[in-house]
Amino acid sequence: MAHPNMGGHRDSKETTPLNGDEATPSVSRCHNDYRKLSIVSIICGLSCVGIMALINSVKAQEKRTSDPELAEQCALKARKFSILAILLWVAILVLVPTLMTLVSYLLTFID
C-alpha cells in the first residue's frame, strides 16, 4: 500500500521523454541570481563592492537561458561580493571605534 503523502510527489531526477524515445533527466536547478542580496549589500554594506555584486547578478540573470554555466558562475560571484561587502562594512564599524579607543588610551600615557 502506498504512503498517503507520496501520491502526487514527483522525484526531481525522473526522466522525461523528449521525442518519444529519448530521455533526459529533468533536474530543476535553482536559478538564484542574488539580486536582492546585492542590492542590500550596496545599501547596508561597502557600496563599491556591492556594485560589483549587482553587476554580476545582472550578468547571471542575462545569461540564465543562453549559458547556464556562466550564469551560475556569475551568481556565485555576486553572492561572494555581497557577503564580502557586508562583512567589510561590519568590520569597519567595529574596528574604527575600537582603534579610536585604543589610540585615545595610548595618548593618555603620553601626557
PDB file of N, CA and C in Angstrom:
ATOM      1  N   MET A   1       0.840  -1.178   0.000  1.00  0.00           N
ATOM      2  CA  MET A   1       0.000   0.000   0.000  1.00  0.00           C
ATOM      3  C   MET A   1       0.888   1.245   0.000  1.00  0.00           C
ATOM      4  N   ALA A   2       0.552   2.238  -0.801  1.00  0.00           N
ATOM      5  CA  ALA A   2       1.355   3.451  -0.939  1.00  0.00           C
ATOM      6  C   ALA A   2       1.119   4.379   0.241  1.00  0.00           C
ATOM      7  N   HIS A   3       2.125   5.144   0.536  1.00  0.00           N
ATOM      8  CA  HIS A   3       2.048   6.128   1.601  1.00  0.00           C
ATOM      9  C   HIS A   3       1.122   7.254   1.158  1.00  0.00           C
ATOM     10  N   PRO A   4       0.240   7.785   2.035  1.00  0.00           N
ATOM     11  CA  PRO A   4      -0.722   8.792   1.598  1.00  0.00           C
ATOM     12  C   PRO A   4      -0.086  10.105   1.164  1.00  0.00           C
ATOM     13  N   ASN A   5       1.071  10.472   1.699  1.00  0.00           N
ATOM     14  CA  ASN A   5       1.701  11.726   1.328  1.00  0.00           C
ATOM     15  C   ASN A   5       2.497  11.625   0.030  1.00  0.00           C
ATOM     16  N   MET A   6       2.699  10.432  -0.473  1.00  0.00           N
ATOM     17  CA  MET A   6       3.522  10.243  -1.653  1.00  0.00           C
ATOM     18  C   MET A   6       2.690  10.183  -2.933  1.00  0.00           C
ATOM     19  N   GLY A   7       1.402  10.477  -2.873  1.00  0.00           N
ATOM     20  CA  GLY A   7       0.511  10.320  -4.017  1.00  0.00           C
ATOM     21  C   GLY A   7       0.958  11.072  -5.253  1.00  0.00           C
ATOM     22  N   GLY A   8       1.081  12.386  -5.182  1.00  0.00           N
ATOM     23  CA  GLY A   8       1.422  13.174  -6.358  1.00  0.00           C
ATOM     24  C   GLY A   8       2.851  13.658  -6.361  1.00  0.00           C
ATOM     25  N   HIS A   9       3.688  13.092  -5.509  1.00  0.00           N
ATOM     26  CA  HIS A   9       5.073  13.535  -5.409  1.00  0.00           C
ATOM     27  C   HIS A   9       5.865  13.059  -6.615  1.00  0.00           C
ATOM     28  N   ARG A  10       6.616  13.980  -7.210  1.00  0.00           N
ATOM     29  CA  ARG A  10       7.436  13.651  -8.365  1.00  0.00           C
ATOM     30  C   ARG A  10       8.891  13.859  -8.010  1.00  0.00           C
ATOM     31  N   ASP A  11       9.705  12.880  -8.266  1.00  0.00           N
ATOM     32  CA  ASP A  11      11.125  12.948  -7.963  1.00  0.00           C
ATOM     33  C   ASP A  11      11.794  13.914  -8.932  1.00  0.00           C
ATOM     34  N   SER A  12      12.749  14.709  -8.437  1.00  0.00           N
ATOM     35  CA  SER A  12      13.409  15.693  -9.292  1.00  0.00           C
ATOM     36  C   SER A  12      14.372  15.051 -10.279  1.00  0.00           C
ATOM     37  N   LYS A  13      14.715  13.771 -10.108  1.00  0.00           N
ATOM     38  CA  LYS A  13      15.642  13.108 -11.016  1.00  0.00           C
ATOM     39  C   LYS A  13      14.921  12.158 -11.972  1.00  0.00           C
ATOM     40  N   GLU A  14      13.603  12.305 -12.113  1.00  0.00           N
ATOM     41  CA  GLU A  14      12.866  11.477 -13.052  1.00  0.00           C
ATOM     42  C   GLU A  14      13.274  11.845 -14.468  1.00  0.00           C
ATOM     43  N   THR A  15      13.085  10.919 -15.376  1.00  0.00           N
ATOM     44  CA  THR A  15      13.394  11.208 -16.761  1.00  0.00           C
ATOM     45  C   THR A  15      12.105  11.492 -17.504  1.00  0.00           C
ATOM     46  N   THR A  16      12.177  12.476 -18.376  1.00  0.00           N
ATOM     47  CA  THR A  16      11.011  12.826 -19.179  1.00  0.00           C
ATOM     48  C   THR A  16      11.365  12.640 -20.637  1.00  0.00           C
ATOM     49  N   PRO A  17      10.545  11.977 -21.395  1.00  0.00           N
ATOM     50  CA  PRO A  17      10.857  11.765 -22.804  1.00  0.00           C
ATOM     51  C   PRO A  17      10.681  13.044 -23.611  1.00  0.00           C
ATOM     52  N   LEU A  18      11.632  13.284 -24.519  1.00  0.00           N
ATOM     53  CA  LEU A  18      11.550  14.453 -25.376  1.00  0.00           C
ATOM     54  C   LEU A  18      10.856  14.122 -26.698  1.00  0.00           C
ATOM     55  N   ASN A  19      11.396  13.191 -27.436  1.00  0.00           N
ATOM     56  CA  ASN A  19      10.836  12.831 -28.734  1.00  0.00           C
ATOM     57  C   ASN A  19      10.254  11.416 -28.732  1.00  0.00           C
ATOM     58  N   GLY A  20       9.835  10.933 -27.624  1.00  0.00           N
ATOM     59  CA  GLY A  20       9.274   9.600 -27.560  1.00  0.00           C
ATOM     60  C   GLY A  20      10.293   8.558 -27.146  1.00  0.00           C
ATOM     61  N   ASP A  21      11.483   8.540 -27.789  1.00  0.00           N
ATOM     62  CA  ASP A  21      12.461   7.507 -27.457  1.00  0.00           C
ATOM     63  C   ASP A  21      13.626   8.046 -26.640  1.00  0.00           C
ATOM     64  N   GLU A  22      13.860   9.359 -26.638  1.00  0.00           N
ATOM     65  CA  GLU A  22      14.950   9.940 -25.866  1.00  0.00           C
ATOM     66  C   GLU A  22      14.463  10.271 -24.462  1.00  0.00           C
ATOM     67  N   ALA A  23      15.355  10.168 -23.516  1.00  0.00           N
ATOM     68  CA  ALA A  23      15.012  10.521 -22.140  1.00  0.00           C
ATOM     69  C   ALA A  23      16.190  11.259 -21.520  1.00  0.00           C
ATOM     70  N   THR A  24      15.917  12.395 -20.923  1.00  0.00           N
ATOM     71  CA  THR A  24      16.942  13.173 -20.248  1.00  0.00           C
ATOM     72  C   THR A  24      16.462  13.481 -18.844  1.00  0.00           C
ATOM     73  N   PRO A  25      17.390  13.622 -17.907  1.00  0.00           N
ATOM     74  CA  PRO A  25      16.954  13.939 -16.550  1.00  0.00           C
ATOM     75  C   PRO A  25      16.430  15.362 -16.476  1.00  0.00           C
ATOM     76  N   SER A  26      15.305  15.544 -15.820  1.00  0.00           N
ATOM     77  CA  SER A  26      14.734  16.879 -15.665  1.00  0.00           C
ATOM     78  C   SER A  26      15.080  17.385 -14.274  1.00  0.00           C
ATOM     79  N   VAL A  27      16.301  17.836 -14.129  1.00  0.00           N
ATOM     80  CA  VAL A  27      16.771  18.330 -12.853  1.00  0.00           C
ATOM     81  C   VAL A  27      16.375  19.791 -12.749  1.00  0.00           C
ATOM     82  N   SER A  28      15.651  20.116 -11.712  1.00  0.00           N
ATOM     83  CA  SER A  28      15.231  21.502 -11.535  1.00  0.00           C
ATOM     84  C   SER A  28      16.304  22.238 -10.754  1.00  0.00           C
ATOM     85  N   ARG A  29      16.973  23.162 -11.410  1.00  0.00           N
ATOM     86  CA  ARG A  29      18.017  23.945 -10.761  1.00  0.00           C
ATOM     87  C   ARG A  29      17.409  25.210 -10.190  1.00  0.00           C
ATOM     88  N   CYS A  30      17.963  25.634  -9.117  1.00  0.00           N
ATOM     89  CA  CYS A  30      17.510  26.874  -8.507  1.00  0.00           C
ATOM     90  C   CYS A  30      18.206  28.032  -9.216  1.00  0.00           C
ATOM     91  N   HIS A  31      17.438  28.860  -9.891  1.00  0.00           N
ATOM     92  CA  HIS A  31      18.007  29.992 -10.614  1.00  0.00           C
ATOM     93  C   HIS A  31      17.979  31.208  -9.711  1.00  0.00           C
ATOM     94  N   ASN A  32      18.946  31.289  -8.837  1.00  0.00           N
ATOM     95  CA  ASN A  32      19.039  32.406  -7.919  1.00  0.00           C
ATOM     96  C   ASN A  32      20.181  33.288  -8.374  1.00  0.00           C
ATOM     97  N   ASP A  33      19.872  34.516  -8.737  1.00  0.00           N
ATOM     98  CA  ASP A  33      20.919  35.407  -9.209  1.00  0.00           C
ATOM     99  C   ASP A  33      21.385  36.380  -8.116  1.00  0.00           C
ATOM    100  N   TYR A  34      20.821  36.269  -6.913  1.00  0.00           N
ATOM    101  CA  TYR A  34      21.225  37.058  -5.756  1.00  0.00           C
ATOM    102  C   TYR A  34      21.095  38.558  -5.988  1.00  0.00           C
ATOM    103  N   ARG A  35      20.063  38.964  -6.730  1.00  0.00           N
ATOM    104  CA  ARG A  35      19.848  40.398  -6.997  1.00  0.00           C
ATOM    105  C   ARG A  35      19.508  41.134  -5.706  1.00  0.00           C
ATOM    106  N   LYS A  36      18.604  40.581  -4.911  1.00  0.00           N
ATOM    107  CA  LYS A  36      18.196  41.264  -3.674  1.00  0.00           C
ATOM    108  C   LYS A  36      19.357  41.370  -2.692  1.00  0.00           C
ATOM    109  N   LEU A  37      20.138  40.314  -2.591  1.00  0.00           N
ATOM    110  CA  LEU A  37      21.286  40.348  -1.691  1.00  0.00           C
ATOM    111  C   LEU A  37      22.301  41.397  -2.129  1.00  0.00           C
ATOM    112  N   SER A  38      22.507  41.531  -3.431  1.00  0.00           N
ATOM    113  CA  SER A  38      23.467  42.530  -3.902  1.00  0.00           C
ATOM    114  C   SER A  38      22.947  43.950  -3.680  1.00  0.00           C
ATOM    115  N   ILE A  39      21.643  44.161  -3.786  1.00  0.00           N
ATOM    116  CA  ILE A  39      21.089  45.493  -3.501  1.00  0.00           C
ATOM    117  C   ILE A  39      21.229  45.804  -2.017  1.00  0.00           C
ATOM    118  N   VAL A  40      20.975  44.814  -1.175  1.00  0.00           N
ATOM    119  CA  VAL A  40      21.149  45.014   0.263  1.00  0.00           C
ATOM    120  C   VAL A  40      22.613  45.296   0.589  1.00  0.00           C
ATOM    121  N   SER A  41      23.525  44.652  -0.117  1.00  0.00           N
ATOM    122  CA  SER A  41      24.947  44.890   0.154  1.00  0.00           C
ATOM    123  C   SER A  41      25.385  46.279  -0.291  1.00  0.00           C
ATOM    124  N   ILE A  42      24.698  46.863  -1.256  1.00  0.00           N
ATOM    125  CA  ILE A  42      25.002  48.252  -1.626  1.00  0.00           C
ATOM    126  C   ILE A  42      24.516  49.197  -0.541  1.00  0.00           C
ATOM    127  N   ILE A  43      23.302  48.933  -0.010  1.00  0.00           N
ATOM    128  CA  ILE A  43      22.714  49.822   0.986  1.00  0.00           C
ATOM    129  C   ILE A  43      23.350  49.621   2.355  1.00  0.00           C
ATOM    130  N   CYS A  44      23.492  48.374   2.766  1.00  0.00           N
ATOM    131  CA  CYS A  44      23.956  48.058   4.124  1.00  0.00           C
ATOM    132  C   CYS A  44      25.381  47.539   4.151  1.00  0.00           C
ATOM    133  N   GLY A  45      26.131  47.763   3.136  1.00  0.00           N
ATOM    134  CA  GLY A  45      27.495  47.265   3.094  1.00  0.00           C
ATOM    135  C   GLY A  45      28.408  48.277   2.440  1.00  0.00           C
ATOM    136  N   LEU A  46      29.560  47.827   2.055  1.00  0.00           N
ATOM    137  CA  LEU A  46      30.529  48.664   1.357  1.00  0.00           C
ATOM    138  C   LEU A  46      30.054  48.809  -0.089  1.00  0.00           C
ATOM    139  N   SER A  47      29.688  50.009  -0.476  1.00  0.00           N
ATOM    140  CA  SER A  47      28.977  50.222  -1.740  1.00  0.00           C
ATOM    141  C   SER A  47      29.759  49.808  -2.975  1.00  0.00           C
ATOM    142  N   CYS A  48      31.055  50.074  -3.018  1.00  0.00           N
ATOM    143  CA  CYS A  48      31.820  49.758  -4.230  1.00  0.00           C
ATOM    144  C   CYS A  48      31.883  48.252  -4.476  1.00  0.00           C
ATOM    145  N   VAL A  49      31.968  47.470  -3.416  1.00  0.00           N
ATOM    146  CA  VAL A  49      31.963  46.012  -3.574  1.00  0.00           C
ATOM    147  C   VAL A  49      30.543  45.531  -3.875  1.00  0.00           C
ATOM    148  N   GLY A  50      29.542  46.191  -3.295  1.00  0.00           N
ATOM    149  CA  GLY A  50      28.150  45.856  -3.567  1.00  0.00           C
ATOM    150  C   GLY A  50      27.768  46.103  -5.017  1.00  0.00           C
ATOM    151  N   ILE A  51      28.356  47.113  -5.626  1.00  0.00           N
ATOM    152  CA  ILE A  51      28.094  47.381  -7.045  1.00  0.00           C
ATOM    153  C   ILE A  51      28.659  46.262  -7.912  1.00  0.00           C
ATOM    154  N   MET A  52      29.812  45.736  -7.527  1.00  0.00           N
ATOM    155  CA  MET A  52      30.355  44.583  -8.257  1.00  0.00           C
ATOM    156  C   MET A  52      29.421  43.380  -8.128  1.00  0.00           C
ATOM    157  N   ALA A  53      28.822  43.218  -6.963  1.00  0.00           N
ATOM    158  CA  ALA A  53      27.857  42.129  -6.767  1.00  0.00           C
ATOM    159  C   ALA A  53      26.638  42.332  -7.656  1.00  0.00           C
ATOM    160  N   LEU A  54      26.148  43.561  -7.748  1.00  0.00           N
ATOM    161  CA  LEU A  54      24.982  43.842  -8.586  1.00  0.00           C
ATOM    162  C   LEU A  54      25.292  43.615 -10.060  1.00  0.00           C
ATOM    163  N   ILE A  55      26.482  43.984 -10.494  1.00  0.00           N
ATOM    164  CA  ILE A  55      26.877  43.757 -11.889  1.00  0.00           C
ATOM    165  C   ILE A  55      26.885  42.266 -12.197  1.00  0.00           C
ATOM    166  N   ASN A  56      27.436  41.470 -11.293  1.00  0.00           N
ATOM    167  CA  ASN A  56      27.469  40.030 -11.516  1.00  0.00           C
ATOM    168  C   ASN A  56      26.083  39.405 -11.452  1.00  0.00           C
ATOM    169  N   SER A  57      25.205  39.929 -10.605  1.00  0.00           N
ATOM    170  CA  SER A  57      23.854  39.372 -10.547  1.00  0.00           C
ATOM    171  C   SER A  57      23.065  39.694 -11.808  1.00  0.00           C
ATOM    172  N   VAL A  58      23.300  40.867 -12.393  1.00  0.00           N
ATOM    173  CA  VAL A  58      22.643  41.209 -13.666  1.00  0.00           C
ATOM    174  C   VAL A  58      23.172  40.314 -14.780  1.00  0.00           C
ATOM    175  N   LYS A  59      24.478  40.072 -14.784  1.00  0.00           N
ATOM    176  CA  LYS A  59      25.049  39.152 -15.777  1.00  0.00           C
ATOM    177  C   LYS A  59      24.457  37.757 -15.628  1.00  0.00           C
ATOM    178  N   ALA A  60      24.277  37.315 -14.381  1.00  0.00           N
ATOM    179  CA  ALA A  60      23.714  35.983 -14.135  1.00  0.00           C
ATOM    180  C   ALA A  60      22.292  35.885 -14.671  1.00  0.00           C
ATOM    181  N   GLN A  61      21.519  36.939 -14.494  1.00  0.00           N
ATOM    182  CA  GLN A  61      20.148  36.905 -14.987  1.00  0.00           C
ATOM    183  C   GLN A  61      20.105  36.946 -16.514  1.00  0.00           C
ATOM    184  N   GLU A  62      20.981  37.719 -17.130  1.00  0.00           N
ATOM    185  CA  GLU A  62      21.006  37.810 -18.592  1.00  0.00           C
ATOM    186  C   GLU A  62      21.456  36.511 -19.239  1.00  0.00           C
ATOM    187  N   LYS A  63      22.395  35.814 -18.625  1.00  0.00           N
ATOM    188  CA  LYS A  63      22.962  34.591 -19.200  1.00  0.00           C
ATOM    189  C   LYS A  63      22.223  33.326 -18.769  1.00  0.00           C
ATOM    190  N   ARG A  64      21.135  33.473 -18.029  1.00  0.00           N
ATOM    191  CA  ARG A  64      20.426  32.310 -17.487  1.00  0.00           C
ATOM    192  C   ARG A  64      19.968  31.347 -18.572  1.00  0.00           C
ATOM    193  N   THR A  65      19.468  31.855 -19.688  1.00  0.00           N
ATOM    194  CA  THR A  65      18.963  30.961 -20.736  1.00  0.00           C
ATOM    195  C   THR A  65      20.031  30.609 -21.762  1.00  0.00           C
ATOM    196  N   SER A  66      20.916  31.546 -22.091  1.00  0.00           N
ATOM    197  CA  SER A  66      21.891  31.281 -23.147  1.00  0.00           C
ATOM    198  C   SER A  66      23.074  30.433 -22.671  1.00  0.00           C
ATOM    199  N   ASP A  67      23.595  30.726 -21.482  1.00  0.00           N
ATOM    200  CA  ASP A  67      24.758  29.999 -20.963  1.00  0.00           C
ATOM    201  C   ASP A  67      24.580  29.760 -19.468  1.00  0.00           C
ATOM    202  N   PRO A  68      23.928  28.659 -19.080  1.00  0.00           N
ATOM    203  CA  PRO A  68      23.627  28.429 -17.663  1.00  0.00           C
ATOM    204  C   PRO A  68      24.858  28.271 -16.778  1.00  0.00           C
ATOM    205  N   GLU A  69      25.950  27.734 -17.323  1.00  0.00           N
ATOM    206  CA  GLU A  69      27.165  27.574 -16.513  1.00  0.00           C
ATOM    207  C   GLU A  69      27.771  28.928 -16.168  1.00  0.00           C
ATOM    208  N   LEU A  70      27.833  29.821 -17.152  1.00  0.00           N
ATOM    209  CA  LEU A  70      28.342  31.169 -16.897  1.00  0.00           C
ATOM    210  C   LEU A  70      27.421  31.923 -15.952  1.00  0.00           C
ATOM    211  N   ALA A  71      26.115  31.695 -16.094  1.00  0.00           N
ATOM    212  CA  ALA A  71      25.157  32.337 -15.195  1.00  0.00           C
ATOM    213  C   ALA A  71      25.360  31.877 -13.761  1.00  0.00           C
ATOM    214  N   GLU A  72      25.639  30.599 -13.582  1.00  0.00           N
ATOM    215  CA  GLU A  72      25.876  30.087 -12.230  1.00  0.00           C
ATOM    216  C   GLU A  72      27.167  30.657 -11.650  1.00  0.00           C
ATOM    217  N   GLN A  73      28.203  30.794 -12.472  1.00  0.00           N
ATOM    218  CA  GLN A  73      29.455  31.384 -12.001  1.00  0.00           C
ATOM    219  C   GLN A  73      29.257  32.842 -11.606  1.00  0.00           C
ATOM    220  N   CYS A  74      28.515  33.575 -12.421  1.00  0.00           N
ATOM    221  CA  CYS A  74      28.256  34.981 -12.103  1.00  0.00           C
ATOM    222  C   CYS A  74      27.404  35.115 -10.843  1.00  0.00           C
ATOM    223  N   ALA A  75      26.453  34.207 -10.657  1.00  0.00           N
ATOM    224  CA  ALA A  75      25.623  34.240  -9.457  1.00  0.00           C
ATOM    225  C   ALA A  75      26.459  33.961  -8.213  1.00  0.00           C
ATOM    226  N   LEU A  76      27.386  33.015  -8.308  1.00  0.00           N
ATOM    227  CA  LEU A  76      28.258  32.733  -7.165  1.00  0.00           C
ATOM    228  C   LEU A  76      29.178  33.911  -6.864  1.00  0.00           C
ATOM    229  N   LYS A  77      29.668  34.575  -7.913  1.00  0.00           N
ATOM    230  CA  LYS A  77      30.481  35.775  -7.707  1.00  0.00           C
ATOM    231  C   LYS A  77      29.657  36.870  -7.044  1.00  0.00           C
ATOM    232  N   ALA A  78      28.412  37.011  -7.474  1.00  0.00           N
ATOM    233  CA  ALA A  78      27.541  38.028  -6.886  1.00  0.00           C
ATOM    234  C   ALA A  78      27.328  37.744  -5.404  1.00  0.00           C
ATOM    235  N   ARG A  79      27.112  36.475  -5.056  1.00  0.00           N
ATOM    236  CA  ARG A  79      26.928  36.118  -3.648  1.00  0.00           C
ATOM    237  C   ARG A  79      28.192  36.405  -2.845  1.00  0.00           C
ATOM    238  N   LYS A  80      29.354  36.054  -3.399  1.00  0.00           N
ATOM    239  CA  LYS A  80      30.616  36.291  -2.688  1.00  0.00           C
ATOM    240  C   LYS A  80      30.877  37.777  -2.483  1.00  0.00           C
ATOM    241  N   PHE A  81      30.653  38.576  -3.539  1.00  0.00           N
ATOM    242  CA  PHE A  81      30.857  40.018  -3.417  1.00  0.00           C
ATOM    243  C   PHE A  81      29.873  40.633  -2.420  1.00  0.00           C
ATOM    244  N   SER A  82      28.636  40.149  -2.404  1.00  0.00           N
ATOM    245  CA  SER A  82      27.641  40.682  -1.475  1.00  0.00           C
ATOM    246  C   SER A  82      28.029  40.399  -0.036  1.00  0.00           C
ATOM    247  N   ILE A  83      28.411  39.179   0.231  1.00  0.00           N
ATOM    248  CA  ILE A  83      28.815  38.811   1.587  1.00  0.00           C
ATOM    249  C   ILE A  83      30.070  39.571   1.992  1.00  0.00           C
ATOM    250  N   LEU A  84      31.011  39.704   1.068  1.00  0.00           N
ATOM    251  CA  LEU A  84      32.239  40.450   1.346  1.00  0.00           C
ATOM    252  C   LEU A  84      31.929  41.910   1.662  1.00  0.00           C
ATOM    253  N   ALA A  85      31.021  42.528   0.899  1.00  0.00           N
ATOM    254  CA  ALA A  85      30.672  43.929   1.137  1.00  0.00           C
ATOM    255  C   ALA A  85      30.065  44.129   2.516  1.00  0.00           C
ATOM    256  N   ILE A  86      29.170  43.227   2.913  1.00  0.00           N
ATOM    257  CA  ILE A  86      28.533  43.349   4.222  1.00  0.00           C
ATOM    258  C   ILE A  86      29.545  43.100   5.337  1.00  0.00           C
ATOM    259  N   LEU A  87      30.395  42.086   5.181  1.00  0.00           N
ATOM    260  CA  LEU A  87      31.397  41.799   6.213  1.00  0.00           C
ATOM    261  C   LEU A  87      32.425  42.918   6.349  1.00  0.00           C
ATOM    262  N   LEU A  88      32.833  43.511   5.231  1.00  0.00           N
ATOM    263  CA  LEU A  88      33.780  44.630   5.307  1.00  0.00           C
ATOM    264  C   LEU A  88      33.165  45.821   6.021  1.00  0.00           C
ATOM    265  N   TRP A  89      31.884  46.085   5.754  1.00  0.00           N
ATOM    266  CA  TRP A  89      31.226  47.211   6.414  1.00  0.00           C
ATOM    267  C   TRP A  89      31.108  46.971   7.918  1.00  0.00           C
ATOM    268  N   VAL A  90      30.770  45.750   8.306  1.00  0.00           N
ATOM    269  CA  VAL A  90      30.689  45.419   9.728  1.00  0.00           C
ATOM    270  C   VAL A  90      32.076  45.536  10.364  1.00  0.00           C
ATOM    271  N   ALA A  91      33.102  45.090   9.663  1.00  0.00           N
ATOM    272  CA  ALA A  91      34.466  45.192  10.189  1.00  0.00           C
ATOM    273  C   ALA A  91      34.869  46.652  10.379  1.00  0.00           C
ATOM    274  N   ILE A  92      34.495  47.499   9.437  1.00  0.00           N
ATOM    275  CA  ILE A  92      34.811  48.929   9.577  1.00  0.00           C
ATOM    276  C   ILE A  92      34.066  49.523  10.763  1.00  0.00           C
ATOM    277  N   LEU A  93      32.786  49.143  10.904  1.00  0.00           N
ATOM    278  CA  LEU A  93      32.002  49.673  12.022  1.00  0.00           C
ATOM    279  C   LEU A  93      32.531  49.219  13.374  1.00  0.00           C
ATOM    280  N   VAL A  94      33.153  48.077  13.420  1.00  0.00           N
ATOM    281  CA  VAL A  94      33.697  47.572  14.683  1.00  0.00           C
ATOM    282  C   VAL A  94      35.120  48.084  14.908  1.00  0.00           C
ATOM    283  N   LEU A  95      35.944  48.081  13.868  1.00  0.00           N
ATOM    284  CA  LEU A  95      37.355  48.418  14.035  1.00  0.00           C
ATOM    285  C   LEU A  95      37.614  49.904  14.259  1.00  0.00           C
ATOM    286  N   VAL A  96      36.882  50.780  13.610  1.00  0.00           N
ATOM    287  CA  VAL A  96      37.153  52.211  13.750  1.00  0.00           C
ATOM    288  C   VAL A  96      36.952  52.678  15.192  1.00  0.00           C
ATOM    289  N   PRO A  97      35.815  52.394  15.826  1.00  0.00           N
ATOM    290  CA  PRO A  97      35.703  52.819  17.236  1.00  0.00           C
ATOM    291  C   PRO A  97      36.709  52.118  18.153  1.00  0.00           C
ATOM    292  N   THR A  98      37.009  50.864  17.865  1.00  0.00           N
ATOM    293  CA  THR A  98      37.984  50.148  18.689  1.00  0.00           C
ATOM    294  C   THR A  98      39.363  50.777  18.571  1.00  0.00           C
ATOM    295  N   LEU A  99      39.769  51.103  17.350  1.00  0.00           N
ATOM    296  CA  LEU A  99      41.073  51.736  17.158  1.00  0.00           C
ATOM    297  C   LEU A  99      41.108  53.146  17.739  1.00  0.00           C
ATOM    298  N   MET A 100      39.999  53.876  17.640  1.00  0.00           N
ATOM    299  CA  MET A 100      39.953  55.214  18.234  1.00  0.00           C
ATOM    300  C   MET A 100      40.084  55.135  19.757  1.00  0.00           C
ATOM    301  N   THR A 101      39.453  54.149  20.358  1.00  0.00           N
ATOM    302  CA  THR A 101      39.559  53.961  21.805  1.00  0.00           C
ATOM    303  C   THR A 101      40.990  53.591  22.182  1.00  0.00           C
ATOM    304  N   LEU A 102      41.590  52.710  21.399  1.00  0.00           N
ATOM    305  CA  LEU A 102      42.974  52.310  21.680  1.00  0.00           C
ATOM    306  C   LEU A 102      43.931  53.484  21.551  1.00  0.00           C
ATOM    307  N   VAL A 103      43.783  54.287  20.511  1.00  0.00           N
ATOM    308  CA  VAL A 103      44.655  55.460  20.331  1.00  0.00           C
ATOM    309  C   VAL A 103      44.431  56.454  21.450  1.00  0.00           C
ATOM    310  N   SER A 104      43.198  56.663  21.853  1.00  0.00           N
ATOM    311  CA  SER A 104      42.912  57.575  22.957  1.00  0.00           C
ATOM    312  C   SER A 104      43.532  57.078  24.241  1.00  0.00           C
ATOM    313  N   TYR A 105      43.453  55.808  24.479  1.00  0.00           N
ATOM    314  CA  TYR A 105      44.062  55.205  25.682  1.00  0.00           C
ATOM    315  C   TYR A 105      45.570  55.363  25.655  1.00  0.00           C
ATOM    316  N   LEU A 106      46.187  55.155  24.491  1.00  0.00           N
ATOM    317  CA  LEU A 106      47.643  55.282  24.395  1.00  0.00           C
ATOM    318  C   LEU A 106      48.097  56.737  24.518  1.00  0.00           C
ATOM    319  N   LEU A 107      47.265  57.660  24.058  1.00  0.00           N
ATOM    320  CA  LEU A 107      47.625  59.081  24.176  1.00  0.00           C
ATOM    321  C   LEU A 107      47.577  59.566  25.614  1.00  0.00           C
ATOM    322  N   THR A 108      46.796  58.906  26.450  1.00  0.00           N
ATOM    323  CA  THR A 108      46.768  59.311  27.868  1.00  0.00           C
ATOM    324  C   THR A 108      48.088  59.009  28.567  1.00  0.00           C
ATOM    325  N   PHE A 109      48.813  58.008  28.074  1.00  0.00           N
ATOM    326  CA  PHE A 109      50.110  57.694  28.660  1.00  0.00           C
ATOM    327  C   PHE A 109      51.175  58.707  28.254  1.00  0.00           C
ATOM    328  N   ILE A 110      51.013  59.360  27.125  1.00  0.00           N
ATOM    329  CA  ILE A 110      51.977  60.352  26.670  1.00  0.00           C
ATOM    330  C   ILE A 110      51.910  61.593  27.540  1.00  0.00           C
ATOM    331  N   ASP A 111      50.698  61.974  27.923  1.00  0.00           N
ATOM    332  CA  ASP A 111      50.547  63.171  28.750  1.00  0.00           C
ATOM    333  C   ASP A 111      51.010  62.862  30.110  1.00  0.00           C
TER     334      ASP A 111
END
